[in-house]
Amino acid sequence: MHSSQRHKLSLIHPLVDHLLQQQDIGEWRTALVQSGVMTREEVIALDSNALQAAYKTLVTMKLLHQDADNILNEIERHQVSWKLDMGEDYRQGAICY
């Protein structure tokens, strides 16, 4: 995997996790049908775990084909935040700053 792909994934994963936490099952179904991935009947037949997995895959794949600026715009639009795990040296520097 290229470093640019890893960089994108480091942006995509928090965004997708945030979208999944919203648990908007109606939106998930609509997105899957509108994208042509599944028919309405197929989406309705999915249990919640399968629906979540399908939506997660759909959104991840869509975002992988976007550039980093578009992904960052989506992160900002959805007001996504995540915890940074910094080493002790960096943490002390940040506190002093």
Protein backbone atom coordinates (compact mmCIF):
# COMPACT_ATOMS: atom_id res chain seq x y z
CA MET A 1 0.00 0.00 0.00
CA HIS A 2 1.36 3.41 -0.96
CA SER A 3 1.96 6.04 1.69
CA SER A 4 -0.65 8.32 0.10
CA GLN A 5 -3.19 5.50 0.41
CA ARG A 6 -2.27 5.00 4.08
CA HIS A 7 -2.57 8.75 4.64
CA LYS A 8 -6.03 8.75 3.08
CA LEU A 9 -7.10 5.79 5.20
CA SER A 10 -5.93 7.58 8.35
CA LEU A 11 -8.39 10.34 7.44
CA ILE A 12 -11.15 8.06 6.18
CA HIS A 13 -11.40 5.68 9.13
CA PRO A 14 -12.35 8.33 11.74
CA LEU A 15 -14.86 9.85 9.32
CA VAL A 16 -16.50 6.51 8.54
CA ASP A 17 -16.55 5.55 12.23
CA HIS A 18 -18.24 8.88 12.98
CA LEU A 19 -20.86 8.30 10.29
CA LEU A 20 -21.54 4.81 11.63
CA GLN A 21 -22.01 6.16 15.16
CA GLN A 22 -24.87 8.29 13.85
CA GLN A 23 -26.73 5.00 13.26
CA ASP A 24 -28.91 6.55 10.57
CA ILE A 25 -30.12 3.26 9.12
CA GLY A 26 -32.47 5.03 6.71
CA GLU A 27 -29.54 6.99 5.27
CA TRP A 28 -27.49 3.80 4.96
CA ARG A 29 -30.26 2.07 3.02
CA THR A 30 -30.82 5.08 0.78
CA ALA A 31 -27.10 5.40 0.02
CA LEU A 32 -26.78 1.73 -0.91
CA VAL A 33 -29.81 1.84 -3.21
CA GLN A 34 -28.96 5.20 -4.82
CA SER A 35 -25.39 4.09 -5.52
CA GLY A 36 -26.71 1.05 -7.36
CA VAL A 37 -24.91 -1.37 -5.06
CA MET A 38 -28.14 -3.08 -3.99
CA THR A 39 -31.81 -3.08 -4.77
CA ARG A 40 -34.35 -1.82 -2.27
CA GLU A 41 -35.43 -5.39 -1.55
CA GLU A 42 -31.85 -6.53 -0.95
CA VAL A 43 -31.22 -3.67 1.46
CA ILE A 44 -34.42 -4.36 3.39
CA ALA A 45 -33.45 -8.03 3.72
CA LEU A 46 -30.12 -7.21 5.42
CA ASP A 47 -29.79 -7.55 9.18
CA SER A 48 -28.28 -4.58 11.02
CA ASN A 49 -24.72 -5.97 11.05
CA ALA A 50 -24.76 -6.70 7.32
CA LEU A 51 -26.29 -3.30 6.58
CA GLN A 52 -23.59 -1.57 8.62
CA ALA A 53 -20.82 -3.54 6.89
CA ALA A 54 -22.22 -2.76 3.43
CA TYR A 55 -22.55 0.96 4.20
CA LYS A 56 -19.07 1.10 5.74
CA THR A 57 -17.60 -0.51 2.63
CA LEU A 58 -19.52 1.80 0.30
CA VAL A 59 -18.44 4.99 2.07
CA THR A 60 -14.83 3.84 2.46
CA MET A 61 -14.54 2.98 -1.23
CA LYS A 62 -16.11 6.29 -2.30
CA LEU A 63 -13.72 8.24 -0.10
CA LEU A 64 -10.69 6.30 -1.31
CA HIS A 65 -11.35 7.70 -4.78
CA GLN A 66 -11.39 11.29 -3.55
CA ASP A 67 -8.39 13.48 -2.94
CA ALA A 68 -7.28 14.34 0.59
CA ASP A 69 -8.72 17.88 0.41
CA ASN A 70 -12.21 16.54 -0.30
CA ILE A 71 -11.88 14.06 2.57
CA LEU A 72 -10.80 16.88 4.90
CA ASN A 73 -13.79 18.93 3.77
CA GLU A 74 -16.09 16.01 4.63
CA ILE A 75 -14.42 15.67 8.03
CA GLU A 76 -15.03 19.35 8.69
CA ARG A 77 -18.61 19.22 7.37
CA HIS A 78 -19.44 16.34 9.73
CA GLN A 79 -17.47 17.94 12.59
CA VAL A 80 -15.42 14.81 13.17
CA SER A 81 -12.83 14.80 15.90
CA TRP A 82 -10.60 12.06 17.20
CA LYS A 83 -8.05 11.48 19.88
CA LEU A 84 -4.39 11.79 19.01
CA ASP A 85 -2.02 9.45 20.74
CA MET A 86 1.14 11.49 21.16
CA GLY A 87 4.25 10.33 22.89
CA GLU A 88 5.16 11.79 26.28
CA ASP A 89 7.80 14.13 24.79
CA TYR A 90 5.30 15.65 22.38
CA ARG A 91 2.63 15.88 25.04
CA GLN A 92 4.93 17.86 27.36
CA GLY A 93 5.90 20.15 24.46
CA ALA A 94 2.24 20.76 23.63
CA ILE A 95 1.44 21.55 27.26
CA CYS A 96 4.34 24.00 27.45
CA TYR A 97 3.33 25.64 24.21
